[in-house]
């Protein structure tokens, strides 16, 4: 079984869709279909069936999936072990990140890292948290940077690289007023929120629930922080977001900020990578400098800009 066929098989297994799998492995849809058929012919059985939900793994496909993941991981380990004998990092290193982290944290850091390690070729892939873990499983990325959502599969390592402040943001036209720790006053406001499953949406819901306060009315649920910032700037409502995601809008005066009065005022930014017997030297060198590169944009206890003393 060729590694490229296994990689394509896993992409289809994760996405359950030929079109999305083709985008993930950078092939034409016809090539993805051809490779799946080649693998099925080699194994003498169907690996997928079609359903209303998309492509589903057959029993044979379910059996193959963990072996395919292990084979690709072992190939990565073999490559890393050979590189280690040379004593220097070289070759490609693929990094995955949430869009907000990539835009706020990555450009200068990766440019500096590339300057210090010219033999390492960097690739950056943007995806949501769930997709990043799928890409790690399939070997499409070497490391992922995202916000911590708690427990993690034992196949992965996780390291907290920074604690990012959570802030409430509002339109400058609204001139909201903050009473310290007054969740009741906030509950009377409209909020623009991320979709359920996002770590700061979880903190938002949990804070009001634990305080026994009916949660604020949701003006909109949005899966893009940039879109949330635009909606808030337009006066749609308040939003709870990591400060790093809206720092440009704050600097330009499009938004004003207030501290989040909930019990958790930061969200952990983490690096996640696969457990391997031998880690690539390039990955080790990246991890060695990750902590310093991800210092929060602004201290957690810094005074918020233009915040005032009570919430009307």
C-alpha atoms as a PDB file:
ATOM      1  CA  UNK A   1       0.000   0.000   0.000  1.00  0.00           C
ATOM      2  CA  UNK A   2       1.527   3.269  -1.127  1.00  0.00           C
ATOM      3  CA  UNK A   3       1.655   6.121   1.332  1.00  0.00           C
ATOM      4  CA  UNK A   4      -0.057   8.560  -1.048  1.00  0.00           C
ATOM      5  CA  UNK A   5      -3.042   6.219  -1.355  1.00  0.00           C
ATOM      6  CA  UNK A   6      -3.308   5.906   2.421  1.00  0.00           C
ATOM      7  CA  UNK A   7      -3.072   9.669   2.852  1.00  0.00           C
ATOM      8  CA  UNK A   8      -5.874  10.201   0.337  1.00  0.00           C
ATOM      9  CA  UNK A   9      -7.950   7.474   1.989  1.00  0.00           C
ATOM     10  CA  UNK A  10      -7.644   9.222   5.370  1.00  0.00           C
ATOM     11  CA  UNK A  11      -8.545  12.592   3.877  1.00  0.00           C
ATOM     12  CA  UNK A  12     -11.760  11.100   2.493  1.00  0.00           C
ATOM     13  CA  UNK A  13     -12.437   9.249   5.747  1.00  0.00           C
ATOM     14  CA  UNK A  14     -12.130  12.478   7.759  1.00  0.00           C
ATOM     15  CA  UNK A  15     -14.068  14.759   5.415  1.00  0.00           C
ATOM     16  CA  UNK A  16     -16.561  12.163   4.110  1.00  0.00           C
ATOM     17  CA  UNK A  17     -16.539  14.183   0.910  1.00  0.00           C
ATOM     18  CA  UNK A  18     -14.450  13.881  -2.263  1.00  0.00           C
ATOM     19  CA  UNK A  19     -14.392  17.634  -2.909  1.00  0.00           C
ATOM     20  CA  UNK A  20     -13.125  18.541   0.569  1.00  0.00           C
ATOM     21  CA  UNK A  21     -10.639  15.665   0.537  1.00  0.00           C
ATOM     22  CA  UNK A  22      -9.283  16.838  -2.825  1.00  0.00           C
ATOM     23  CA  UNK A  23      -8.700  20.327  -1.411  1.00  0.00           C
ATOM     24  CA  UNK A  24      -6.933  18.849   1.625  1.00  0.00           C
ATOM     25  CA  UNK A  25      -4.479  16.706  -0.347  1.00  0.00           C
ATOM     26  CA  UNK A  26      -4.160  19.182  -3.256  1.00  0.00           C
ATOM     27  CA  UNK A  27      -5.437  16.839  -5.950  1.00  0.00           C
ATOM     28  CA  UNK A  28      -8.203  16.973  -8.516  1.00  0.00           C
ATOM     29  CA  UNK A  29     -11.442  15.284  -7.466  1.00  0.00           C
ATOM     30  CA  UNK A  30     -10.980  12.697 -10.215  1.00  0.00           C
ATOM     31  CA  UNK A  31      -7.508  11.866  -8.861  1.00  0.00           C
ATOM     32  CA  UNK A  32      -8.898  11.347  -5.354  1.00  0.00           C
ATOM     33  CA  UNK A  33     -11.576   9.008  -6.716  1.00  0.00           C
ATOM     34  CA  UNK A  34      -8.962   7.128  -8.774  1.00  0.00           C
ATOM     35  CA  UNK A  35      -6.669   6.687  -5.770  1.00  0.00           C
ATOM     36  CA  UNK A  36      -9.488   5.384  -3.570  1.00  0.00           C
ATOM     37  CA  UNK A  37     -10.443   2.928  -6.306  1.00  0.00           C
ATOM     38  CA  UNK A  38      -6.814   1.793  -6.654  1.00  0.00           C
ATOM     39  CA  UNK A  39      -6.606   1.134  -2.923  1.00  0.00           C
ATOM     40  CA  UNK A  40      -9.925  -0.726  -2.954  1.00  0.00           C
ATOM     41  CA  UNK A  41      -8.736  -2.838  -5.913  1.00  0.00           C
ATOM     42  CA  UNK A  42      -5.492  -3.637  -4.112  1.00  0.00           C
ATOM     43  CA  UNK A  43      -7.358  -4.703  -0.960  1.00  0.00           C
ATOM     44  CA  UNK A  44     -10.153  -6.421  -2.838  1.00  0.00           C
ATOM     45  CA  UNK A  45     -12.992  -4.689  -0.997  1.00  0.00           C
ATOM     46  CA  UNK A  46     -14.968  -1.459  -0.843  1.00  0.00           C
ATOM     47  CA  UNK A  47     -13.790   1.061   1.749  1.00  0.00           C
ATOM     48  CA  UNK A  48     -16.667   3.561   1.464  1.00  0.00           C
ATOM     49  CA  UNK A  49     -20.399   3.555   0.914  1.00  0.00           C
ATOM     50  CA  UNK A  50     -22.591   6.526   0.033  1.00  0.00           C
ATOM     51  CA  UNK A  51     -25.284   7.813   2.397  1.00  0.00           C
ATOM     52  CA  UNK A  52     -27.367  10.952   2.848  1.00  0.00           C
ATOM     53  CA  UNK A  53     -24.634  12.231   5.186  1.00  0.00           C
ATOM     54  CA  UNK A  54     -21.872  11.709   2.618  1.00  0.00           C
ATOM     55  CA  UNK A  55     -19.304   8.957   2.271  1.00  0.00           C
ATOM     56  CA  UNK A  56     -19.268   6.451   5.125  1.00  0.00           C
ATOM     57  CA  UNK A  57     -16.540   3.952   5.948  1.00  0.00           C
ATOM     58  CA  UNK A  58     -17.430   0.314   5.427  1.00  0.00           C
ATOM     59  CA  UNK A  59     -16.411  -2.211   8.066  1.00  0.00           C
ATOM     60  CA  UNK A  60     -13.227  -2.811   6.053  1.00  0.00           C
ATOM     61  CA  UNK A  61     -12.593   0.938   5.940  1.00  0.00           C
ATOM     62  CA  UNK A  62     -13.002   1.223   9.705  1.00  0.00           C
ATOM     63  CA  UNK A  63     -10.451  -1.570  10.144  1.00  0.00           C
ATOM     64  CA  UNK A  64      -7.988   0.076   7.753  1.00  0.00           C
ATOM     65  CA  UNK A  65      -8.197   3.586   9.239  1.00  0.00           C
ATOM     66  CA  UNK A  66      -6.056   3.084  12.403  1.00  0.00           C
ATOM     67  CA  UNK A  67      -3.511   1.060  10.435  1.00  0.00           C
ATOM     68  CA  UNK A  68      -3.244   3.800   7.807  1.00  0.00           C
ATOM     69  CA  UNK A  69      -2.689   6.403  10.544  1.00  0.00           C
ATOM     70  CA  UNK A  70      -0.034   4.221  12.176  1.00  0.00           C
ATOM     71  CA  UNK A  71       1.752   3.481   8.898  1.00  0.00           C
ATOM     72  CA  UNK A  72       1.994   7.166   7.973  1.00  0.00           C
ATOM     73  CA  UNK A  73       3.107   8.066  11.494  1.00  0.00           C
ATOM     74  CA  UNK A  74       5.801   5.362  11.381  1.00  0.00           C
ATOM     75  CA  UNK A  75       7.050   6.710   8.058  1.00  0.00           C
ATOM     76  CA  UNK A  76       7.328  10.174   9.624  1.00  0.00           C
ATOM     77  CA  UNK A  77       9.260   8.698  12.540  1.00  0.00           C
ATOM     78  CA  UNK A  78      11.633   6.888  10.196  1.00  0.00           C
ATOM     79  CA  UNK A  79      12.298  10.116   8.318  1.00  0.00           C
ATOM     80  CA  UNK A  80      12.878  11.968  11.607  1.00  0.00           C
ATOM     81  CA  UNK A  81      15.264   9.268  12.857  1.00  0.00           C
ATOM     82  CA  UNK A  82      17.352   9.485   9.677  1.00  0.00           C
ATOM     83  CA  UNK A  83      17.432  13.285   9.922  1.00  0.00           C
ATOM     84  CA  UNK A  84      18.587  13.023  13.542  1.00  0.00           C
ATOM     85  CA  UNK A  85      21.693  11.100  12.470  1.00  0.00           C
ATOM     86  CA  UNK A  86      22.714  14.118  10.372  1.00  0.00           C
ATOM     87  CA  UNK A  87      22.483  16.359  13.440  1.00  0.00           C
ATOM     88  CA  UNK A  88      20.753  19.229  11.678  1.00  0.00           C
ATOM     89  CA  UNK A  89      17.187  20.241  10.947  1.00  0.00           C
ATOM     90  CA  UNK A  90      16.182  20.397   7.319  1.00  0.00           C
ATOM     91  CA  UNK A  91      13.250  19.780   5.049  1.00  0.00           C
ATOM     92  CA  UNK A  92       9.598  20.797   5.301  1.00  0.00           C
ATOM     93  CA  UNK A  93       7.728  21.640   8.499  1.00  0.00           C
ATOM     94  CA  UNK A  94       3.975  22.111   8.194  1.00  0.00           C
ATOM     95  CA  UNK A  95       2.220  24.249  10.781  1.00  0.00           C
ATOM     96  CA  UNK A  96      -1.531  24.439  11.302  1.00  0.00           C
ATOM     97  CA  UNK A  97      -3.275  27.301  13.083  1.00  0.00           C
ATOM     98  CA  UNK A  98      -6.595  28.990  13.641  1.00  0.00           C
ATOM     99  CA  UNK A  99      -7.046  32.019  11.397  1.00  0.00           C
ATOM    100  CA  UNK A 100      -6.939  34.492  14.289  1.00  0.00           C
ATOM    101  CA  UNK A 101      -3.735  32.990  15.695  1.00  0.00           C
ATOM    102  CA  UNK A 102      -2.111  32.828  12.272  1.00  0.00           C
ATOM    103  CA  UNK A 103      -2.780  36.485  11.489  1.00  0.00           C
ATOM    104  CA  UNK A 104      -1.950  37.878  14.938  1.00  0.00           C
ATOM    105  CA  UNK A 105       0.991  35.703  15.967  1.00  0.00           C
ATOM    106  CA  UNK A 106       2.613  33.929  13.055  1.00  0.00           C
ATOM    107  CA  UNK A 107       4.003  36.377  10.468  1.00  0.00           C
ATOM    108  CA  UNK A 108       6.933  37.948  12.328  1.00  0.00           C
ATOM    109  CA  UNK A 109       7.709  34.821  14.314  1.00  0.00           C
ATOM    110  CA  UNK A 110       7.836  32.498  11.318  1.00  0.00           C
ATOM    111  CA  UNK A 111       9.850  35.018   9.330  1.00  0.00           C
ATOM    112  CA  UNK A 112      12.413  35.223  12.145  1.00  0.00           C
ATOM    113  CA  UNK A 113      12.446  31.440  12.579  1.00  0.00           C
ATOM    114  CA  UNK A 114      13.007  30.928   8.875  1.00  0.00           C
ATOM    115  CA  UNK A 115      15.894  33.390   8.998  1.00  0.00           C
ATOM    116  CA  UNK A 116      17.523  31.413  11.816  1.00  0.00           C
ATOM    117  CA  UNK A 117      16.865  28.049  10.119  1.00  0.00           C
ATOM    118  CA  UNK A 118      17.227  28.526   6.359  1.00  0.00           C
ATOM    119  CA  UNK A 119      17.281  24.770   5.708  1.00  0.00           C
ATOM    120  CA  UNK A 120      13.724  24.368   7.050  1.00  0.00           C
ATOM    121  CA  UNK A 121      10.908  24.974   4.572  1.00  0.00           C
ATOM    122  CA  UNK A 122       7.782  26.224   6.345  1.00  0.00           C
ATOM    123  CA  UNK A 123       4.188  25.668   5.286  1.00  0.00           C
ATOM    124  CA  UNK A 124       1.223  27.232   7.096  1.00  0.00           C
ATOM    125  CA  UNK A 125      -2.299  25.795   6.868  1.00  0.00           C
ATOM    126  CA  UNK A 126      -5.354  27.594   8.272  1.00  0.00           C
ATOM    127  CA  UNK A 127      -8.241  25.534   9.655  1.00  0.00           C
ATOM    128  CA  UNK A 128     -10.719  25.236  12.506  1.00  0.00           C
ATOM    129  CA  UNK A 129      -9.884  23.351  15.709  1.00  0.00           C
ATOM    130  CA  UNK A 130     -11.524  20.088  14.635  1.00  0.00           C
ATOM    131  CA  UNK A 131      -9.894  20.127  11.215  1.00  0.00           C
ATOM    132  CA  UNK A 132      -6.498  20.822  12.757  1.00  0.00           C
ATOM    133  CA  UNK A 133      -6.724  17.641  14.839  1.00  0.00           C
ATOM    134  CA  UNK A 134      -7.783  15.661  11.771  1.00  0.00           C
ATOM    135  CA  UNK A 135      -4.784  17.032   9.898  1.00  0.00           C
ATOM    136  CA  UNK A 136      -2.511  16.017  12.782  1.00  0.00           C
ATOM    137  CA  UNK A 137      -3.976  12.519  12.779  1.00  0.00           C
ATOM    138  CA  UNK A 138      -3.430  12.157   9.059  1.00  0.00           C
ATOM    139  CA  UNK A 139       0.077  13.607   9.099  1.00  0.00           C
ATOM    140  CA  UNK A 140      -0.893  16.613   6.985  1.00  0.00           C
ATOM    141  CA  UNK A 141       0.570  18.989   9.576  1.00  0.00           C
ATOM    142  CA  UNK A 142       3.352  18.549  12.112  1.00  0.00           C
ATOM    143  CA  UNK A 143       2.000  20.875  14.792  1.00  0.00           C
ATOM    144  CA  UNK A 144      -1.188  22.831  15.477  1.00  0.00           C
ATOM    145  CA  UNK A 145      -1.691  26.121  17.324  1.00  0.00           C
ATOM    146  CA  UNK A 146      -5.194  26.669  18.683  1.00  0.00           C
ATOM    147  CA  UNK A 147      -7.076  27.534  21.869  1.00  0.00           C
ATOM    148  CA  UNK A 148      -7.283  24.870  24.554  1.00  0.00           C
ATOM    149  CA  UNK A 149     -10.561  22.952  24.697  1.00  0.00           C
ATOM    150  CA  UNK A 150      -9.619  20.626  27.567  1.00  0.00           C
ATOM    151  CA  UNK A 151      -8.925  16.894  27.405  1.00  0.00           C
ATOM    152  CA  UNK A 152      -6.982  15.604  24.428  1.00  0.00           C
ATOM    153  CA  UNK A 153      -6.483  12.240  22.763  1.00  0.00           C
ATOM    154  CA  UNK A 154      -3.524  10.311  24.233  1.00  0.00           C
ATOM    155  CA  UNK A 155      -1.980  10.219  20.768  1.00  0.00           C
ATOM    156  CA  UNK A 156      -1.041  13.882  21.136  1.00  0.00           C
ATOM    157  CA  UNK A 157       1.194  16.074  23.249  1.00  0.00           C
ATOM    158  CA  UNK A 158      -0.025  19.503  24.302  1.00  0.00           C
ATOM    159  CA  UNK A 159       1.850  22.526  25.630  1.00  0.00           C
ATOM    160  CA  UNK A 160       0.407  25.839  26.774  1.00  0.00           C
ATOM    161  CA  UNK A 161       2.418  28.574  25.069  1.00  0.00           C
ATOM    162  CA  UNK A 162       0.536  31.640  26.317  1.00  0.00           C
ATOM    163  CA  UNK A 163      -2.490  32.820  28.268  1.00  0.00           C
ATOM    164  CA  UNK A 164      -4.443  35.203  26.079  1.00  0.00           C
ATOM    165  CA  UNK A 165      -6.732  37.820  27.710  1.00  0.00           C
ATOM    166  CA  UNK A 166     -10.448  37.607  27.041  1.00  0.00           C
ATOM    167  CA  UNK A 167     -12.149  40.954  26.537  1.00  0.00           C
ATOM    168  CA  UNK A 168     -15.619  42.273  25.969  1.00  0.00           C
ATOM    169  CA  UNK A 169     -15.768  44.451  22.886  1.00  0.00           C
ATOM    170  CA  UNK A 170     -18.412  46.936  21.804  1.00  0.00           C
ATOM    171  CA  UNK A 171     -19.047  49.611  19.214  1.00  0.00           C
ATOM    172  CA  UNK A 172     -17.609  53.047  20.134  1.00  0.00           C
ATOM    173  CA  UNK A 173     -21.056  54.499  19.400  1.00  0.00           C
ATOM    174  CA  UNK A 174     -22.669  52.456  22.136  1.00  0.00           C
ATOM    175  CA  UNK A 175     -20.376  53.734  24.917  1.00  0.00           C
ATOM    176  CA  UNK A 176     -21.192  50.794  27.232  1.00  0.00           C
ATOM    177  CA  UNK A 177     -20.607  51.200  30.954  1.00  0.00           C
ATOM    178  CA  UNK A 178     -19.136  48.458  33.082  1.00  0.00           C
ATOM    179  CA  UNK A 179     -19.925  47.611  36.699  1.00  0.00           C
ATOM    180  CA  UNK A 180     -17.180  45.321  37.982  1.00  0.00           C
ATOM    181  CA  UNK A 181     -18.375  41.687  38.087  1.00  0.00           C
ATOM    182  CA  UNK A 182     -21.945  42.724  37.210  1.00  0.00           C
ATOM    183  CA  UNK A 183     -23.056  39.836  35.022  1.00  0.00           C
ATOM    184  CA  UNK A 184     -26.671  40.809  35.582  1.00  0.00           C
ATOM    185  CA  UNK A 185     -26.118  44.101  33.777  1.00  0.00           C
ATOM    186  CA  UNK A 186     -24.370  42.290  30.932  1.00  0.00           C
ATOM    187  CA  UNK A 187     -27.261  39.838  30.647  1.00  0.00           C
ATOM    188  CA  UNK A 188     -29.466  42.705  29.510  1.00  0.00           C
ATOM    189  CA  UNK A 189     -27.259  43.285  26.468  1.00  0.00           C
ATOM    190  CA  UNK A 190     -27.293  41.575  23.063  1.00  0.00           C
ATOM    191  CA  UNK A 191     -24.248  39.475  22.188  1.00  0.00           C
ATOM    192  CA  UNK A 192     -22.614  38.290  19.005  1.00  0.00           C
ATOM    193  CA  UNK A 193     -21.091  34.885  19.776  1.00  0.00           C
ATOM    194  CA  UNK A 194     -19.056  32.139  18.208  1.00  0.00           C
ATOM    195  CA  UNK A 195     -20.674  28.794  17.457  1.00  0.00           C
ATOM    196  CA  UNK A 196     -21.225  26.175  20.164  1.00  0.00           C
ATOM    197  CA  UNK A 197     -18.056  24.134  20.738  1.00  0.00           C
ATOM    198  CA  UNK A 198     -15.703  27.113  20.606  1.00  0.00           C
ATOM    199  CA  UNK A 199     -13.750  27.465  23.846  1.00  0.00           C
ATOM    200  CA  UNK A 200     -14.717  31.072  24.544  1.00  0.00           C
ATOM    201  CA  UNK A 201     -18.358  30.365  23.684  1.00  0.00           C
ATOM    202  CA  UNK A 202     -18.152  27.627  26.322  1.00  0.00           C
ATOM    203  CA  UNK A 203     -16.759  30.104  28.874  1.00  0.00           C
ATOM    204  CA  UNK A 204     -19.479  32.598  27.961  1.00  0.00           C
ATOM    205  CA  UNK A 205     -22.306  30.073  28.483  1.00  0.00           C
ATOM    206  CA  UNK A 206     -20.746  28.541  31.597  1.00  0.00           C
ATOM    207  CA  UNK A 207     -20.217  31.885  33.358  1.00  0.00           C
ATOM    208  CA  UNK A 208     -23.873  32.898  33.200  1.00  0.00           C
ATOM    209  CA  UNK A 209     -25.107  29.377  33.999  1.00  0.00           C
ATOM    210  CA  UNK A 210     -22.925  29.046  37.118  1.00  0.00           C
ATOM    211  CA  UNK A 211     -24.009  32.502  38.310  1.00  0.00           C
ATOM    212  CA  UNK A 212     -27.660  31.455  37.967  1.00  0.00           C
ATOM    213  CA  UNK A 213     -28.323  34.258  35.491  1.00  0.00           C
ATOM    214  CA  UNK A 214     -30.285  33.886  32.293  1.00  0.00           C
ATOM    215  CA  UNK A 215     -27.798  34.210  29.453  1.00  0.00           C
ATOM    216  CA  UNK A 216     -27.952  37.335  27.253  1.00  0.00           C
ATOM    217  CA  UNK A 217     -29.948  37.319  24.065  1.00  0.00           C
ATOM    218  CA  UNK A 218     -27.858  36.235  21.091  1.00  0.00           C
ATOM    219  CA  UNK A 219     -27.940  38.669  18.213  1.00  0.00           C
ATOM    220  CA  UNK A 220     -25.964  36.293  15.968  1.00  0.00           C
ATOM    221  CA  UNK A 221     -23.826  33.155  15.962  1.00  0.00           C
ATOM    222  CA  UNK A 222     -20.796  33.501  13.706  1.00  0.00           C
ATOM    223  CA  UNK A 223     -17.850  31.193  12.970  1.00  0.00           C
ATOM    224  CA  UNK A 224     -15.444  34.010  12.044  1.00  0.00           C
ATOM    225  CA  UNK A 225     -13.848  36.359  14.590  1.00  0.00           C
ATOM    226  CA  UNK A 226     -13.294  38.964  11.873  1.00  0.00           C
ATOM    227  CA  UNK A 227     -16.995  38.923  11.054  1.00  0.00           C
ATOM    228  CA  UNK A 228     -17.848  39.156  14.762  1.00  0.00           C
ATOM    229  CA  UNK A 229     -15.636  42.245  15.042  1.00  0.00           C
ATOM    230  CA  UNK A 230     -17.386  43.884  12.083  1.00  0.00           C
ATOM    231  CA  UNK A 231     -20.842  43.116  13.501  1.00  0.00           C
ATOM    232  CA  UNK A 232     -19.893  44.520  16.908  1.00  0.00           C
ATOM    233  CA  UNK A 233     -18.399  47.645  15.323  1.00  0.00           C
ATOM    234  CA  UNK A 234     -21.678  48.124  13.478  1.00  0.00           C
ATOM    235  CA  UNK A 235     -23.588  48.073  16.778  1.00  0.00           C
ATOM    236  CA  UNK A 236     -25.107  44.575  16.563  1.00  0.00           C
ATOM    237  CA  UNK A 237     -24.112  43.730  20.145  1.00  0.00           C
ATOM    238  CA  UNK A 238     -21.236  42.975  22.500  1.00  0.00           C
ATOM    239  CA  UNK A 239     -18.843  40.044  22.060  1.00  0.00           C
ATOM    240  CA  UNK A 240     -16.446  38.011  24.172  1.00  0.00           C
ATOM    241  CA  UNK A 241     -13.257  37.268  22.229  1.00  0.00           C
ATOM    242  CA  UNK A 242      -9.530  36.745  22.778  1.00  0.00           C
ATOM    243  CA  UNK A 243      -7.893  40.153  22.650  1.00  0.00           C
ATOM    244  CA  UNK A 244      -5.326  39.074  20.092  1.00  0.00           C
ATOM    245  CA  UNK A 245      -8.136  38.501  17.582  1.00  0.00           C
ATOM    246  CA  UNK A 246      -9.314  42.135  17.634  1.00  0.00           C
ATOM    247  CA  UNK A 247      -6.155  44.080  18.451  1.00  0.00           C
ATOM    248  CA  UNK A 248      -6.124  45.834  15.048  1.00  0.00           C
ATOM    249  CA  UNK A 249      -9.760  46.905  15.378  1.00  0.00           C
ATOM    250  CA  UNK A 250      -9.002  48.253  18.867  1.00  0.00           C
ATOM    251  CA  UNK A 251      -5.942  50.132  17.621  1.00  0.00           C
ATOM    252  CA  UNK A 252      -7.990  51.719  14.825  1.00  0.00           C
ATOM    253  CA  UNK A 253     -10.773  52.730  17.204  1.00  0.00           C
ATOM    254  CA  UNK A 254     -13.363  50.509  15.521  1.00  0.00           C
ATOM    255  CA  UNK A 255     -14.030  48.787  18.856  1.00  0.00           C
ATOM    256  CA  UNK A 256     -13.697  49.597  22.541  1.00  0.00           C
ATOM    257  CA  UNK A 257     -12.825  46.983  25.119  1.00  0.00           C
ATOM    258  CA  UNK A 258     -13.739  46.012  28.664  1.00  0.00           C
ATOM    259  CA  UNK A 259     -12.448  43.209  30.894  1.00  0.00           C
ATOM    260  CA  UNK A 260     -14.585  40.086  31.037  1.00  0.00           C
ATOM    261  CA  UNK A 261     -16.093  39.880  34.562  1.00  0.00           C
ATOM    262  CA  UNK A 262     -16.369  36.095  34.531  1.00  0.00           C
ATOM    263  CA  UNK A 263     -14.182  33.891  36.762  1.00  0.00           C
ATOM    264  CA  UNK A 264     -11.991  32.872  33.803  1.00  0.00           C
ATOM    265  CA  UNK A 265     -10.396  35.897  32.157  1.00  0.00           C
ATOM    266  CA  UNK A 266      -7.881  34.217  29.880  1.00  0.00           C
ATOM    267  CA  UNK A 267      -7.890  31.414  27.349  1.00  0.00           C
ATOM    268  CA  UNK A 268      -4.869  29.153  26.870  1.00  0.00           C
ATOM    269  CA  UNK A 269      -3.181  29.131  23.490  1.00  0.00           C
ATOM    270  CA  UNK A 270      -1.685  25.674  23.005  1.00  0.00           C
ATOM    271  CA  UNK A 271       0.640  23.833  20.683  1.00  0.00           C
ATOM    272  CA  UNK A 272      -0.409  20.251  19.855  1.00  0.00           C
ATOM    273  CA  UNK A 273       1.674  17.621  18.106  1.00  0.00           C
ATOM    274  CA  UNK A 274       1.673  13.857  17.668  1.00  0.00           C
ATOM    275  CA  UNK A 275       3.413  11.441  20.023  1.00  0.00           C
ATOM    276  CA  UNK A 276       6.288   9.825  18.186  1.00  0.00           C
ATOM    277  CA  UNK A 277       9.308   7.828  19.261  1.00  0.00           C
ATOM    278  CA  UNK A 278      11.464  10.288  17.352  1.00  0.00           C
ATOM    279  CA  UNK A 279      10.365  13.875  16.861  1.00  0.00           C
ATOM    280  CA  UNK A 280      11.721  15.747  13.818  1.00  0.00           C
ATOM    281  CA  UNK A 281      14.563  18.107  14.683  1.00  0.00           C
ATOM    282  CA  UNK A 282      12.788  20.933  12.886  1.00  0.00           C
ATOM    283  CA  UNK A 283       9.772  20.478  15.149  1.00  0.00           C
ATOM    284  CA  UNK A 284      11.964  20.412  18.255  1.00  0.00           C
ATOM    285  CA  UNK A 285      13.588  23.681  17.236  1.00  0.00           C
ATOM    286  CA  UNK A 286      10.206  25.270  16.581  1.00  0.00           C
ATOM    287  CA  UNK A 287       8.924  24.202  20.000  1.00  0.00           C
ATOM    288  CA  UNK A 288      12.067  25.523  21.664  1.00  0.00           C
ATOM    289  CA  UNK A 289      11.185  29.094  20.686  1.00  0.00           C
ATOM    290  CA  UNK A 290       7.379  28.901  20.703  1.00  0.00           C
ATOM    291  CA  UNK A 291       6.907  30.148  24.277  1.00  0.00           C
ATOM    292  CA  UNK A 292       8.762  33.410  23.730  1.00  0.00           C
ATOM    293  CA  UNK A 293       7.043  33.999  20.395  1.00  0.00           C
ATOM    294  CA  UNK A 294       3.559  33.716  21.861  1.00  0.00           C
ATOM    295  CA  UNK A 295       3.808  36.281  24.644  1.00  0.00           C
ATOM    296  CA  UNK A 296       0.322  37.816  24.987  1.00  0.00           C
ATOM    297  CA  UNK A 297      -0.269  40.927  22.929  1.00  0.00           C
ATOM    298  CA  UNK A 298      -1.019  42.811  26.133  1.00  0.00           C
ATOM    299  CA  UNK A 299      -0.713  41.890  29.841  1.00  0.00           C
ATOM    300  CA  UNK A 300      -3.805  40.216  31.273  1.00  0.00           C
ATOM    301  CA  UNK A 301      -4.177  42.847  34.029  1.00  0.00           C
ATOM    302  CA  UNK A 302      -3.650  45.839  31.749  1.00  0.00           C
ATOM    303  CA  UNK A 303      -6.258  48.574  32.037  1.00  0.00           C
ATOM    304  CA  UNK A 304      -8.787  48.334  29.170  1.00  0.00           C
ATOM    305  CA  UNK A 305      -8.924  51.198  26.732  1.00  0.00           C
ATOM    306  CA  UNK A 306     -11.796  53.642  27.066  1.00  0.00           C
ATOM    307  CA  UNK A 307     -13.703  51.395  29.475  1.00  0.00           C
ATOM    308  CA  UNK A 308     -15.872  53.222  31.976  1.00  0.00           C
ATOM    309  CA  UNK A 309     -17.212  52.448  35.395  1.00  0.00           C
ATOM    310  CA  UNK A 310     -20.772  51.211  34.997  1.00  0.00           C
ATOM    311  CA  UNK A 311     -22.922  49.420  32.431  1.00  0.00           C
ATOM    312  CA  UNK A 312     -26.187  51.018  31.314  1.00  0.00           C
END
